[in-house]
Amino acid sequence: MLADRLLREVLDTLPDAILVVDEGGVIREANERVTSMFGWDRRELIERNVDLLVPFQHRARHAELRAEYARRPLARPMGSGMLLHGERKDGSQFPVEIALSPWQPDAGEPMVVCAVRDLSLFDRWRSMSMARVEAVEAERTRIAAELHDDIVQQMVFIKHRFTTLRNAESVFGDDDSLLELGSAIDHTIASIERICRGLTPLELKHFGLTLALKILFREYSEAGFKVRGKLVDVGRDLDLAKALALFRIVQESLSNAREHSGADEALVTMTRDADWVQVEVKDTGVGFETAAVASSGSGIGLLGMSERAAMIGGLFELRSTPGEGTRIRVRVPVAEPARAEEEL
């Protein structure tokens, strides 16, 4: 296809892997950089499906995204602002940045030119990021435990002593004032327990993700932002790290929806099949241009959610359109991936 010698030399000097893919996802041409990046000989990939270079757990979804792109082909980055990965021939995975451009040859079917950049140098940054997240969660757990086991227990003791003294015949005082004081103690206990749940969802460890999310939804609804939930009970199907990551992503999504969407409610659904748990947060608010947010650097929270998903081998997807609301979807594998596929 690309017979021109000069063009071939130019493509082979580029630092990025270049793939020319047809509408069916079949690789029609590739430059030499593909070999060093993915471990496949360039000639091995010709006539094979590009999904071969996508992490195994994302291939089914990638096929859907390719079909969607074919309906609306535009020159744009793939997964703008999100963390993407490629898969090498040996099964190992690495972070990438991908740009897509539609191409219509003079003769023949439409093609897509994919430019893939290896971001492996960011692995160290990612490891530091993971360590930072783990340290923050550990500190949150410590503070929440101290508040719950110390301050809350002291407040419960004070409430018990107060009630005992109030009911004693030797105690006199304004009944309204005593009732007000008792109510203040109850409110303080409830506030501390709410802060504890905000720091770390204690219900998550003891009762699982589904109940922890229901409690989170109730707190948002009581504060004036209605959250409707359609949740399957995943029980103990997810380990604590994955359950906590999903909880934090939902928590951040709802916070963003309440603060920025202009809507007064959101819908959260959680489904599962044999291999995946999927959570989706959707609002019908003002929406936004995802590319503009990514390029402005203001989407740190979105990038953090994407990174959390990647840390547990999940797939993060954001869709938002001005005037039509925002949808955030996360898919997490239930089973632990094999060792060669853990570096997501």
C-alpha atoms as a PDB file:
ATOM      1  CA  MET A   1       0.000   0.000   0.000  1.00  0.00           C
ATOM      2  CA  LEU A   2       2.677   2.498   1.031  1.00  0.00           C
ATOM      3  CA  ALA A   3       5.090   1.699  -1.778  1.00  0.00           C
ATOM      4  CA  ASP A   4       6.734   5.074  -2.006  1.00  0.00           C
ATOM      5  CA  ARG A   5      10.289   4.610  -0.697  1.00  0.00           C
ATOM      6  CA  LEU A   6      10.657   8.102   0.735  1.00  0.00           C
ATOM      7  CA  LEU A   7       7.385   7.830   2.615  1.00  0.00           C
ATOM      8  CA  ARG A   8       8.453   4.465   4.012  1.00  0.00           C
ATOM      9  CA  GLU A   9      11.745   5.928   5.239  1.00  0.00           C
ATOM     10  CA  VAL A  10       9.951   8.842   6.883  1.00  0.00           C
ATOM     11  CA  LEU A  11       7.502   6.542   8.669  1.00  0.00           C
ATOM     12  CA  ASP A  12      10.281   4.283   9.919  1.00  0.00           C
ATOM     13  CA  THR A  13      12.210   7.202  11.450  1.00  0.00           C
ATOM     14  CA  LEU A  14       9.265   8.341  13.555  1.00  0.00           C
ATOM     15  CA  PRO A  15       9.492   7.728  17.341  1.00  0.00           C
ATOM     16  CA  ASP A  16       5.856   6.601  17.430  1.00  0.00           C
ATOM     17  CA  ALA A  17       4.343   3.368  16.177  1.00  0.00           C
ATOM     18  CA  ILE A  18       2.168   4.023  13.115  1.00  0.00           C
ATOM     19  CA  LEU A  19      -0.614   1.635  12.131  1.00  0.00           C
ATOM     20  CA  VAL A  20      -2.968   1.900   9.178  1.00  0.00           C
ATOM     21  CA  VAL A  21      -6.203   0.070  10.001  1.00  0.00           C
ATOM     22  CA  ASP A  22      -9.265  -0.569   7.852  1.00  0.00           C
ATOM     23  CA  GLU A  23     -12.899  -0.242   8.973  1.00  0.00           C
ATOM     24  CA  GLY A  24     -12.942  -3.869  10.095  1.00  0.00           C
ATOM     25  CA  GLY A  25      -9.999  -3.316  12.417  1.00  0.00           C
ATOM     26  CA  VAL A  26      -7.521  -5.179  10.181  1.00  0.00           C
ATOM     27  CA  ILE A  27      -3.977  -3.802  10.106  1.00  0.00           C
ATOM     28  CA  ARG A  28      -3.017  -2.963   6.528  1.00  0.00           C
ATOM     29  CA  GLU A  29       0.335  -1.263   7.126  1.00  0.00           C
ATOM     30  CA  ALA A  30       2.707  -0.497  10.014  1.00  0.00           C
ATOM     31  CA  ASN A  31       6.105   1.126  10.478  1.00  0.00           C
ATOM     32  CA  GLU A  32       9.204  -0.445  12.015  1.00  0.00           C
ATOM     33  CA  ARG A  33       8.660   1.225  15.391  1.00  0.00           C
ATOM     34  CA  VAL A  34       5.766  -1.194  15.919  1.00  0.00           C
ATOM     35  CA  THR A  35       8.310  -4.020  16.215  1.00  0.00           C
ATOM     36  CA  SER A  36      10.312  -2.494  19.072  1.00  0.00           C
ATOM     37  CA  MET A  37       7.210  -1.204  20.856  1.00  0.00           C
ATOM     38  CA  PHE A  38       4.935  -4.240  20.684  1.00  0.00           C
ATOM     39  CA  GLY A  39       7.411  -7.085  20.109  1.00  0.00           C
ATOM     40  CA  TRP A  40       5.699  -8.191  16.904  1.00  0.00           C
ATOM     41  CA  ASP A  41       7.564  -8.186  13.617  1.00  0.00           C
ATOM     42  CA  ARG A  42       5.897  -5.598  11.432  1.00  0.00           C
ATOM     43  CA  ARG A  43       5.118  -8.211   8.782  1.00  0.00           C
ATOM     44  CA  GLU A  44       3.465 -10.492  11.366  1.00  0.00           C
ATOM     45  CA  LEU A  45       0.856  -7.854  12.104  1.00  0.00           C
ATOM     46  CA  ILE A  46      -0.215  -7.151   8.546  1.00  0.00           C
ATOM     47  CA  GLU A  47      -3.687  -8.638   7.919  1.00  0.00           C
ATOM     48  CA  ARG A  48      -4.238  -9.236  11.656  1.00  0.00           C
ATOM     49  CA  ASN A  49      -6.794  -7.412  13.810  1.00  0.00           C
ATOM     50  CA  VAL A  50      -5.597  -4.374  15.716  1.00  0.00           C
ATOM     51  CA  ASP A  51      -7.417  -5.656  18.815  1.00  0.00           C
ATOM     52  CA  LEU A  52      -4.414  -7.968  19.209  1.00  0.00           C
ATOM     53  CA  LEU A  53      -2.488  -4.942  20.538  1.00  0.00           C
ATOM     54  CA  VAL A  54      -5.201  -4.019  23.057  1.00  0.00           C
ATOM     55  CA  PRO A  55      -5.127  -5.437  26.630  1.00  0.00           C
ATOM     56  CA  PHE A  56      -7.110  -8.667  26.648  1.00  0.00           C
ATOM     57  CA  GLN A  57      -9.686  -7.443  29.163  1.00  0.00           C
ATOM     58  CA  HIS A  58     -10.594  -4.444  26.993  1.00  0.00           C
ATOM     59  CA  ARG A  59     -10.828  -6.108  23.579  1.00  0.00           C
ATOM     60  CA  ALA A  60     -14.598  -6.608  23.455  1.00  0.00           C
ATOM     61  CA  ARG A  61     -15.190  -2.978  24.410  1.00  0.00           C
ATOM     62  CA  HIS A  62     -12.494  -1.804  21.969  1.00  0.00           C
ATOM     63  CA  ALA A  63     -14.354  -3.461  19.095  1.00  0.00           C
ATOM     64  CA  GLU A  64     -17.454  -1.437  20.053  1.00  0.00           C
ATOM     65  CA  LEU A  65     -15.404   1.771  20.181  1.00  0.00           C
ATOM     66  CA  ARG A  66     -13.903   1.076  16.747  1.00  0.00           C
ATOM     67  CA  ALA A  67     -17.372   0.674  15.270  1.00  0.00           C
ATOM     68  CA  GLU A  68     -18.458   3.915  16.909  1.00  0.00           C
ATOM     69  CA  TYR A  69     -15.410   5.754  15.551  1.00  0.00           C
ATOM     70  CA  ALA A  70     -16.149   4.444  12.052  1.00  0.00           C
ATOM     71  CA  ARG A  71     -19.550   6.161  12.229  1.00  0.00           C
ATOM     72  CA  ARG A  72     -17.985   9.500  13.253  1.00  0.00           C
ATOM     73  CA  PRO A  73     -14.350   9.532  12.054  1.00  0.00           C
ATOM     74  CA  LEU A  74     -12.467  12.600  13.281  1.00  0.00           C
ATOM     75  CA  ALA A  75      -8.809  13.415  13.854  1.00  0.00           C
ATOM     76  CA  ARG A  76      -8.551  13.282  17.631  1.00  0.00           C
ATOM     77  CA  PRO A  77      -6.754  11.688  20.568  1.00  0.00           C
ATOM     78  CA  MET A  78      -8.156   8.371  21.734  1.00  0.00           C
ATOM     79  CA  GLY A  79      -9.467   8.428  25.309  1.00  0.00           C
ATOM     80  CA  SER A  80      -8.668  12.116  25.764  1.00  0.00           C
ATOM     81  CA  GLY A  81      -7.174  12.759  29.188  1.00  0.00           C
ATOM     82  CA  MET A  82      -7.417   9.090  30.162  1.00  0.00           C
ATOM     83  CA  LEU A  83      -4.804   6.420  30.781  1.00  0.00           C
ATOM     84  CA  LEU A  84      -4.621   3.823  27.970  1.00  0.00           C
ATOM     85  CA  HIS A  85      -2.547   0.672  27.620  1.00  0.00           C
ATOM     86  CA  GLY A  86      -1.162  -1.516  24.862  1.00  0.00           C
ATOM     87  CA  GLU A  87      -0.294  -5.211  25.034  1.00  0.00           C
ATOM     88  CA  ARG A  88       2.986  -6.657  23.756  1.00  0.00           C
ATOM     89  CA  LYS A  89       3.414 -10.006  22.062  1.00  0.00           C
ATOM     90  CA  ASP A  90       4.591 -11.552  25.357  1.00  0.00           C
ATOM     91  CA  GLY A  91       1.393 -10.439  27.104  1.00  0.00           C
ATOM     92  CA  SER A  92       2.957  -7.620  29.126  1.00  0.00           C
ATOM     93  CA  GLN A  93       1.143  -4.300  29.080  1.00  0.00           C
ATOM     94  CA  PHE A  94       2.371  -0.722  29.018  1.00  0.00           C
ATOM     95  CA  PRO A  95       0.864   2.787  29.094  1.00  0.00           C
ATOM     96  CA  VAL A  96       0.324   4.501  25.742  1.00  0.00           C
ATOM     97  CA  GLU A  97      -1.003   7.655  24.174  1.00  0.00           C
ATOM     98  CA  ILE A  98      -2.941   7.195  20.923  1.00  0.00           C
ATOM     99  CA  ALA A  99      -3.985   9.633  18.190  1.00  0.00           C
ATOM    100  CA  LEU A 100      -6.463   8.706  15.466  1.00  0.00           C
ATOM    101  CA  SER A 101      -6.847  10.227  11.996  1.00  0.00           C
ATOM    102  CA  PRO A 102      -9.274   9.122   9.264  1.00  0.00           C
ATOM    103  CA  TRP A 103      -7.732   8.607   5.815  1.00  0.00           C
ATOM    104  CA  GLN A 104      -9.481   8.063   2.522  1.00  0.00           C
ATOM    105  CA  PRO A 105      -7.062   6.642  -0.098  1.00  0.00           C
ATOM    106  CA  ASP A 106      -7.596   7.640  -3.724  1.00  0.00           C
ATOM    107  CA  ALA A 107      -8.757   4.111  -4.391  1.00  0.00           C
ATOM    108  CA  GLY A 108     -10.126   1.756  -1.792  1.00  0.00           C
ATOM    109  CA  GLU A 109     -11.985   1.736   1.485  1.00  0.00           C
ATOM    110  CA  PRO A 110     -11.610   4.320   4.297  1.00  0.00           C
ATOM    111  CA  MET A 111      -8.713   3.789   6.685  1.00  0.00           C
ATOM    112  CA  VAL A 112      -7.692   5.029  10.115  1.00  0.00           C
ATOM    113  CA  VAL A 113      -4.116   6.059  10.848  1.00  0.00           C
ATOM    114  CA  CYS A 114      -3.170   5.328  14.477  1.00  0.00           C
ATOM    115  CA  ALA A 115      -0.129   6.935  16.083  1.00  0.00           C
ATOM    116  CA  VAL A 116       0.893   5.156  19.307  1.00  0.00           C
ATOM    117  CA  ARG A 117       3.351   6.672  21.774  1.00  0.00           C
ATOM    118  CA  ASP A 118       4.967   4.552  24.507  1.00  0.00           C
ATOM    119  CA  LEU A 119       4.551   6.154  27.940  1.00  0.00           C
ATOM    120  CA  SER A 120       6.525   3.525  29.856  1.00  0.00           C
ATOM    121  CA  LEU A 121       8.763   6.251  31.263  1.00  0.00           C
ATOM    122  CA  PHE A 122       5.727   7.278  33.271  1.00  0.00           C
ATOM    123  CA  ASP A 123       5.659   3.891  35.041  1.00  0.00           C
ATOM    124  CA  ARG A 124       7.786   5.264  37.847  1.00  0.00           C
ATOM    125  CA  TRP A 125       5.382   8.160  38.235  1.00  0.00           C
ATOM    126  CA  ARG A 126       2.521   5.710  38.314  1.00  0.00           C
ATOM    127  CA  SER A 127       4.166   3.568  40.988  1.00  0.00           C
ATOM    128  CA  MET A 128       4.658   6.688  43.062  1.00  0.00           C
ATOM    129  CA  SER A 129       1.039   7.601  42.438  1.00  0.00           C
ATOM    130  CA  MET A 130      -0.137   4.188  43.623  1.00  0.00           C
ATOM    131  CA  ALA A 131       2.005   4.431  46.737  1.00  0.00           C
ATOM    132  CA  ARG A 132       0.620   7.904  47.405  1.00  0.00           C
ATOM    133  CA  VAL A 133      -2.974   6.699  47.063  1.00  0.00           C
ATOM    134  CA  GLU A 134      -2.295   3.778  49.395  1.00  0.00           C
ATOM    135  CA  ALA A 135      -0.651   6.077  51.943  1.00  0.00           C
ATOM    136  CA  VAL A 136      -3.597   8.496  51.831  1.00  0.00           C
ATOM    137  CA  GLU A 137      -6.101   5.671  52.286  1.00  0.00           C
ATOM    138  CA  ALA A 138      -4.086   4.252  55.200  1.00  0.00           C
ATOM    139  CA  GLU A 139      -4.003   7.661  56.891  1.00  0.00           C
ATOM    140  CA  ARG A 140      -7.722   8.130  56.324  1.00  0.00           C
ATOM    141  CA  THR A 141      -8.375   4.727  57.880  1.00  0.00           C
ATOM    142  CA  ARG A 142      -6.208   5.571  60.882  1.00  0.00           C
ATOM    143  CA  ILE A 143      -7.923   8.912  61.508  1.00  0.00           C
ATOM    144  CA  ALA A 144     -11.396   7.417  61.041  1.00  0.00           C
ATOM    145  CA  ALA A 145     -10.589   4.588  63.456  1.00  0.00           C
ATOM    146  CA  GLU A 146      -9.329   7.008  66.095  1.00  0.00           C
ATOM    147  CA  LEU A 147     -12.381   9.226  65.725  1.00  0.00           C
ATOM    148  CA  HIS A 148     -14.754   6.273  65.908  1.00  0.00           C
ATOM    149  CA  ASP A 149     -13.022   4.306  68.658  1.00  0.00           C
ATOM    150  CA  ASP A 150     -12.099   7.282  70.815  1.00  0.00           C
ATOM    151  CA  ILE A 151     -14.137  10.429  70.236  1.00  0.00           C
ATOM    152  CA  VAL A 152     -17.421   8.726  69.338  1.00  0.00           C
ATOM    153  CA  GLN A 153     -17.146   6.349  72.276  1.00  0.00           C
ATOM    154  CA  GLN A 154     -16.474   9.268  74.612  1.00  0.00           C
ATOM    155  CA  MET A 155     -19.499  11.106  73.229  1.00  0.00           C
ATOM    156  CA  VAL A 156     -21.662   8.026  73.716  1.00  0.00           C
ATOM    157  CA  PHE A 157     -20.471   7.812  77.332  1.00  0.00           C
ATOM    158  CA  ILE A 158     -21.247  11.520  77.831  1.00  0.00           C
ATOM    159  CA  LYS A 159     -24.719  11.003  76.379  1.00  0.00           C
ATOM    160  CA  HIS A 160     -25.310   8.043  78.690  1.00  0.00           C
ATOM    161  CA  ARG A 161     -24.175   9.996  81.778  1.00  0.00           C
ATOM    162  CA  PHE A 162     -26.218  13.011  80.723  1.00  0.00           C
ATOM    163  CA  THR A 163     -29.353  10.898  80.307  1.00  0.00           C
ATOM    164  CA  THR A 164     -28.788   9.248  83.675  1.00  0.00           C
ATOM    165  CA  LEU A 165     -28.358  12.582  85.454  1.00  0.00           C
ATOM    166  CA  ARG A 166     -31.281  14.186  83.649  1.00  0.00           C
ATOM    167  CA  ASN A 167     -33.562  11.392  84.791  1.00  0.00           C
ATOM    168  CA  ALA A 168     -32.349  11.580  88.390  1.00  0.00           C
ATOM    169  CA  GLU A 169     -34.792  13.241  90.766  1.00  0.00           C
ATOM    170  CA  SER A 170     -32.054  15.474  92.208  1.00  0.00           C
ATOM    171  CA  VAL A 171     -31.403  17.191  88.853  1.00  0.00           C
ATOM    172  CA  PHE A 172     -33.421  20.284  88.092  1.00  0.00           C
ATOM    173  CA  GLY A 173     -33.329  22.570  85.100  1.00  0.00           C
ATOM    174  CA  ASP A 174     -35.151  23.904  82.084  1.00  0.00           C
ATOM    175  CA  ASP A 175     -36.609  20.901  80.252  1.00  0.00           C
ATOM    176  CA  ASP A 176     -36.210  22.600  76.880  1.00  0.00           C
ATOM    177  CA  SER A 177     -32.561  23.371  77.590  1.00  0.00           C
ATOM    178  CA  LEU A 178     -31.897  19.778  78.602  1.00  0.00           C
ATOM    179  CA  LEU A 179     -33.630  18.466  75.503  1.00  0.00           C
ATOM    180  CA  GLU A 180     -31.618  20.869  73.362  1.00  0.00           C
ATOM    181  CA  LEU A 181     -28.386  19.714  74.970  1.00  0.00           C
ATOM    182  CA  GLY A 182     -29.293  16.059  74.446  1.00  0.00           C
ATOM    183  CA  SER A 183     -30.123  16.766  70.800  1.00  0.00           C
ATOM    184  CA  ALA A 184     -26.773  18.546  70.347  1.00  0.00           C
ATOM    185  CA  ILE A 185     -24.937  15.508  71.681  1.00  0.00           C
ATOM    186  CA  ASP A 186     -26.809  13.222  69.271  1.00  0.00           C
ATOM    187  CA  HIS A 187     -26.061  15.574  66.384  1.00  0.00           C
ATOM    188  CA  THR A 188     -22.367  15.662  67.289  1.00  0.00           C
ATOM    189  CA  ILE A 189     -22.170  11.856  67.367  1.00  0.00           C
ATOM    190  CA  ALA A 190     -23.925  11.630  63.994  1.00  0.00           C
ATOM    191  CA  SER A 191     -21.610  14.271  62.504  1.00  0.00           C
ATOM    192  CA  ILE A 192     -18.469  12.480  63.657  1.00  0.00           C
ATOM    193  CA  GLU A 193     -19.749   9.166  62.302  1.00  0.00           C
ATOM    194  CA  ARG A 194     -20.501  10.876  58.957  1.00  0.00           C
ATOM    195  CA  ILE A 195     -16.967  12.287  58.866  1.00  0.00           C
ATOM    196  CA  CYS A 196     -15.610   8.804  59.602  1.00  0.00           C
ATOM    197  CA  ARG A 197     -17.557   7.352  56.698  1.00  0.00           C
ATOM    198  CA  GLY A 198     -16.261  10.147  54.462  1.00  0.00           C
ATOM    199  CA  LEU A 199     -12.695   9.362  55.445  1.00  0.00           C
ATOM    200  CA  THR A 200     -13.071   5.639  54.958  1.00  0.00           C
ATOM    201  CA  PRO A 201     -16.285   3.678  54.340  1.00  0.00           C
ATOM    202  CA  LEU A 202     -16.227   1.298  57.304  1.00  0.00           C
ATOM    203  CA  GLU A 203     -19.265  -0.534  55.909  1.00  0.00           C
ATOM    204  CA  LEU A 204     -17.192  -1.473  52.856  1.00  0.00           C
ATOM    205  CA  LYS A 205     -14.918  -3.755  54.836  1.00  0.00           C
ATOM    206  CA  HIS A 206     -17.650  -5.335  56.939  1.00  0.00           C
ATOM    207  CA  PHE A 207     -20.638  -5.508  54.574  1.00  0.00           C
ATOM    208  CA  GLY A 208     -19.336  -4.962  51.021  1.00  0.00           C
ATOM    209  CA  LEU A 209     -19.573  -2.409  48.240  1.00  0.00           C
ATOM    210  CA  THR A 210     -23.319  -2.498  47.601  1.00  0.00           C
ATOM    211  CA  LEU A 211     -24.322  -1.496  51.136  1.00  0.00           C
ATOM    212  CA  ALA A 212     -21.542   1.112  51.357  1.00  0.00           C
ATOM    213  CA  LEU A 213     -22.843   2.755  48.156  1.00  0.00           C
ATOM    214  CA  LYS A 214     -26.445   2.729  49.414  1.00  0.00           C
ATOM    215  CA  ILE A 215     -25.365   4.556  52.566  1.00  0.00           C
ATOM    216  CA  LEU A 216     -23.419   7.068  50.442  1.00  0.00           C
ATOM    217  CA  PHE A 217     -26.501   7.663  48.263  1.00  0.00           C
ATOM    218  CA  ARG A 218     -28.681   8.226  51.316  1.00  0.00           C
ATOM    219  CA  GLU A 219     -26.289  10.849  52.685  1.00  0.00           C
ATOM    220  CA  TYR A 220     -26.284  12.725  49.373  1.00  0.00           C
ATOM    221  CA  SER A 221     -30.083  12.566  49.162  1.00  0.00           C
ATOM    222  CA  GLU A 222     -30.464  13.830  52.742  1.00  0.00           C
ATOM    223  CA  ALA A 223     -28.183  16.759  51.824  1.00  0.00           C
ATOM    224  CA  GLY A 224     -30.467  17.747  48.918  1.00  0.00           C
ATOM    225  CA  PHE A 225     -28.838  15.988  45.942  1.00  0.00           C
ATOM    226  CA  LYS A 226     -30.968  12.967  45.092  1.00  0.00           C
ATOM    227  CA  VAL A 227     -29.123   9.828  44.069  1.00  0.00           C
ATOM    228  CA  ARG A 228     -31.098   6.979  42.550  1.00  0.00           C
ATOM    229  CA  GLY A 229     -29.359   3.628  42.672  1.00  0.00           C
ATOM    230  CA  LYS A 230     -29.905   0.435  40.694  1.00  0.00           C
ATOM    231  CA  LEU A 231     -27.360  -1.890  42.214  1.00  0.00           C
ATOM    232  CA  VAL A 232     -26.783  -5.613  42.029  1.00  0.00           C
ATOM    233  CA  ASP A 233     -25.337  -7.162  45.168  1.00  0.00           C
ATOM    234  CA  VAL A 234     -21.743  -8.051  44.331  1.00  0.00           C
ATOM    235  CA  GLY A 235     -21.199  -9.442  47.823  1.00  0.00           C
ATOM    236  CA  ARG A 236     -17.556 -10.406  48.281  1.00  0.00           C
ATOM    237  CA  ASP A 237     -16.880 -10.882  44.569  1.00  0.00           C
ATOM    238  CA  LEU A 238     -14.440  -7.958  44.611  1.00  0.00           C
ATOM    239  CA  ASP A 239     -11.407  -7.728  46.838  1.00  0.00           C
ATOM    240  CA  LEU A 240     -11.185  -4.738  49.161  1.00  0.00           C
ATOM    241  CA  ALA A 241      -8.781  -2.781  46.927  1.00  0.00           C
ATOM    242  CA  LYS A 242     -11.126  -2.990  43.926  1.00  0.00           C
ATOM    243  CA  ALA A 243     -14.219  -2.275  45.997  1.00  0.00           C
ATOM    244  CA  LEU A 244     -12.552   0.770  47.559  1.00  0.00           C
ATOM    245  CA  ALA A 245     -11.416   2.085  44.153  1.00  0.00           C
ATOM    246  CA  LEU A 246     -14.960   1.794  42.766  1.00  0.00           C
ATOM    247  CA  PHE A 247     -16.378   3.464  45.862  1.00  0.00           C
ATOM    248  CA  ARG A 248     -13.964   6.408  45.525  1.00  0.00           C
ATOM    249  CA  ILE A 249     -14.730   6.808  41.820  1.00  0.00           C
ATOM    250  CA  VAL A 250     -18.482   6.905  42.512  1.00  0.00           C
ATOM    251  CA  GLN A 251     -17.922   9.292  45.420  1.00  0.00           C
ATOM    252  CA  GLU A 252     -15.848  11.663  43.245  1.00  0.00           C
ATOM    253  CA  SER A 253     -18.336  11.408  40.366  1.00  0.00           C
ATOM    254  CA  LEU A 254     -21.268  12.332  42.602  1.00  0.00           C
ATOM    255  CA  SER A 255     -19.317  15.200  44.128  1.00  0.00           C
ATOM    256  CA  ASN A 256     -18.567  16.554  40.649  1.00  0.00           C
ATOM    257  CA  ALA A 257     -22.197  16.136  39.580  1.00  0.00           C
ATOM    258  CA  ARG A 258     -23.482  17.964  42.630  1.00  0.00           C
ATOM    259  CA  GLU A 259     -20.974  20.808  42.339  1.00  0.00           C
ATOM    260  CA  HIS A 260     -20.750  21.334  38.585  1.00  0.00           C
ATOM    261  CA  SER A 261     -23.563  19.669  36.623  1.00  0.00           C
ATOM    262  CA  GLY A 262     -26.406  21.988  37.596  1.00  0.00           C
ATOM    263  CA  ALA A 263     -28.619  18.924  37.995  1.00  0.00           C
ATOM    264  CA  ASP A 264     -30.328  18.031  41.254  1.00  0.00           C
ATOM    265  CA  GLU A 265     -30.022  14.270  40.912  1.00  0.00           C
ATOM    266  CA  ALA A 266     -27.906  11.461  39.487  1.00  0.00           C
ATOM    267  CA  LEU A 267     -28.419   7.819  38.609  1.00  0.00           C
ATOM    268  CA  VAL A 268     -25.922   5.148  39.629  1.00  0.00           C
ATOM    269  CA  THR A 269     -26.189   1.623  38.247  1.00  0.00           C
ATOM    270  CA  MET A 270     -24.043  -1.379  39.093  1.00  0.00           C
ATOM    271  CA  THR A 271     -24.183  -4.621  37.106  1.00  0.00           C
ATOM    272  CA  ARG A 272     -22.032  -7.704  36.846  1.00  0.00           C
ATOM    273  CA  ASP A 273     -21.495 -10.754  34.703  1.00  0.00           C
ATOM    274  CA  ALA A 274     -19.172 -13.704  35.029  1.00  0.00           C
ATOM    275  CA  ASP A 275     -16.029 -11.634  34.521  1.00  0.00           C
ATOM    276  CA  TRP A 276     -16.787  -7.969  35.155  1.00  0.00           C
ATOM    277  CA  VAL A 277     -18.422  -5.555  37.562  1.00  0.00           C
ATOM    278  CA  GLN A 278     -19.571  -2.336  35.922  1.00  0.00           C
ATOM    279  CA  VAL A 279     -20.565   0.898  37.636  1.00  0.00           C
ATOM    280  CA  GLU A 280     -22.074   3.859  35.806  1.00  0.00           C
ATOM    281  CA  VAL A 281     -22.803   7.354  37.162  1.00  0.00           C
ATOM    282  CA  LYS A 282     -25.042   9.513  34.992  1.00  0.00           C
ATOM    283  CA  ASP A 283     -26.508  12.990  35.299  1.00  0.00           C
ATOM    284  CA  THR A 284     -28.567  15.134  32.931  1.00  0.00           C
ATOM    285  CA  GLY A 285     -26.817  18.386  33.756  1.00  0.00           C
ATOM    286  CA  VAL A 286     -24.989  20.964  31.670  1.00  0.00           C
ATOM    287  CA  GLY A 287     -22.236  18.621  30.473  1.00  0.00           C
ATOM    288  CA  PHE A 288     -18.890  19.824  29.088  1.00  0.00           C
ATOM    289  CA  GLU A 289     -16.372  19.420  26.281  1.00  0.00           C
ATOM    290  CA  THR A 290     -14.099  16.586  27.413  1.00  0.00           C
ATOM    291  CA  ALA A 291     -11.238  17.564  25.094  1.00  0.00           C
ATOM    292  CA  ALA A 292     -11.303  21.152  26.367  1.00  0.00           C
ATOM    293  CA  VAL A 293     -11.187  20.014  29.986  1.00  0.00           C
ATOM    294  CA  ALA A 294      -8.281  17.663  29.282  1.00  0.00           C
ATOM    295  CA  SER A 295      -6.259  20.300  27.417  1.00  0.00           C
ATOM    296  CA  SER A 296      -6.900  22.985  30.048  1.00  0.00           C
ATOM    297  CA  GLY A 297      -5.467  20.842  32.828  1.00  0.00           C
ATOM    298  CA  SER A 298      -8.587  21.315  34.948  1.00  0.00           C
ATOM    299  CA  GLY A 299      -9.637  17.652  34.775  1.00  0.00           C
ATOM    300  CA  ILE A 300      -7.347  16.455  37.565  1.00  0.00           C
ATOM    301  CA  GLY A 301     -10.224  14.717  39.323  1.00  0.00           C
ATOM    302  CA  LEU A 302     -11.165  12.888  36.129  1.00  0.00           C
ATOM    303  CA  LEU A 303      -7.576  11.816  35.568  1.00  0.00           C
ATOM    304  CA  GLY A 304      -7.429  10.612  39.177  1.00  0.00           C
ATOM    305  CA  MET A 305     -10.514   8.449  38.629  1.00  0.00           C
ATOM    306  CA  SER A 306      -8.998   7.032  35.455  1.00  0.00           C
ATOM    307  CA  GLU A 307      -5.785   6.266  37.305  1.00  0.00           C
ATOM    308  CA  ARG A 308      -7.661   4.528  40.130  1.00  0.00           C
ATOM    309  CA  ALA A 309      -9.422   2.335  37.586  1.00  0.00           C
ATOM    310  CA  ALA A 310      -6.143   1.500  35.835  1.00  0.00           C
ATOM    311  CA  MET A 311      -4.514   0.539  39.138  1.00  0.00           C
ATOM    312  CA  ILE A 312      -7.028  -2.300  39.587  1.00  0.00           C
ATOM    313  CA  GLY A 313      -6.983  -3.433  35.951  1.00  0.00           C
ATOM    314  CA  GLY A 314     -10.202  -1.621  35.116  1.00  0.00           C
ATOM    315  CA  LEU A 315     -11.458   0.424  32.191  1.00  0.00           C
ATOM    316  CA  PHE A 316     -12.570   4.016  32.743  1.00  0.00           C
ATOM    317  CA  GLU A 317     -14.810   5.767  30.234  1.00  0.00           C
ATOM    318  CA  LEU A 318     -16.085   9.344  30.268  1.00  0.00           C
ATOM    319  CA  ARG A 319     -18.732  10.755  27.957  1.00  0.00           C
ATOM    320  CA  SER A 320     -20.078  14.264  28.246  1.00  0.00           C
ATOM    321  CA  THR A 321     -21.836  16.599  25.838  1.00  0.00           C
ATOM    322  CA  PRO A 322     -22.706  20.248  26.536  1.00  0.00           C
ATOM    323  CA  GLY A 323     -26.389  20.441  27.394  1.00  0.00           C
ATOM    324  CA  GLU A 324     -26.824  16.665  27.550  1.00  0.00           C
ATOM    325  CA  GLY A 325     -25.160  15.660  30.791  1.00  0.00           C
ATOM    326  CA  THR A 326     -22.272  13.417  31.765  1.00  0.00           C
ATOM    327  CA  ARG A 327     -21.791   9.673  32.071  1.00  0.00           C
ATOM    328  CA  ILE A 328     -18.892   7.981  33.812  1.00  0.00           C
ATOM    329  CA  ARG A 329     -18.502   4.228  33.427  1.00  0.00           C
ATOM    330  CA  VAL A 330     -15.989   1.918  35.103  1.00  0.00           C
ATOM    331  CA  ARG A 331     -15.555  -1.784  34.357  1.00  0.00           C
ATOM    332  CA  VAL A 332     -13.459  -3.888  36.716  1.00  0.00           C
ATOM    333  CA  PRO A 333     -12.458  -7.545  36.252  1.00  0.00           C
ATOM    334  CA  VAL A 334     -13.762  -9.773  39.036  1.00  0.00           C
ATOM    335  CA  ALA A 335     -10.940 -12.315  38.842  1.00  0.00           C
ATOM    336  CA  GLU A 336      -7.300 -11.447  39.326  1.00  0.00           C
ATOM    337  CA  PRO A 337      -5.483 -11.240  35.936  1.00  0.00           C
ATOM    338  CA  ALA A 338      -2.493 -13.440  35.246  1.00  0.00           C
ATOM    339  CA  ARG A 339       0.915 -12.140  36.304  1.00  0.00           C
ATOM    340  CA  ALA A 340       1.838 -10.922  32.823  1.00  0.00           C
ATOM    341  CA  GLU A 341      -1.277  -8.797  32.743  1.00  0.00           C
ATOM    342  CA  GLU A 342      -1.024  -7.196  36.170  1.00  0.00           C
ATOM    343  CA  GLU A 343       0.906  -4.125  35.057  1.00  0.00           C
ATOM    344  CA  LEU A 344      -2.187  -2.098  34.164  1.00  0.00           C
END
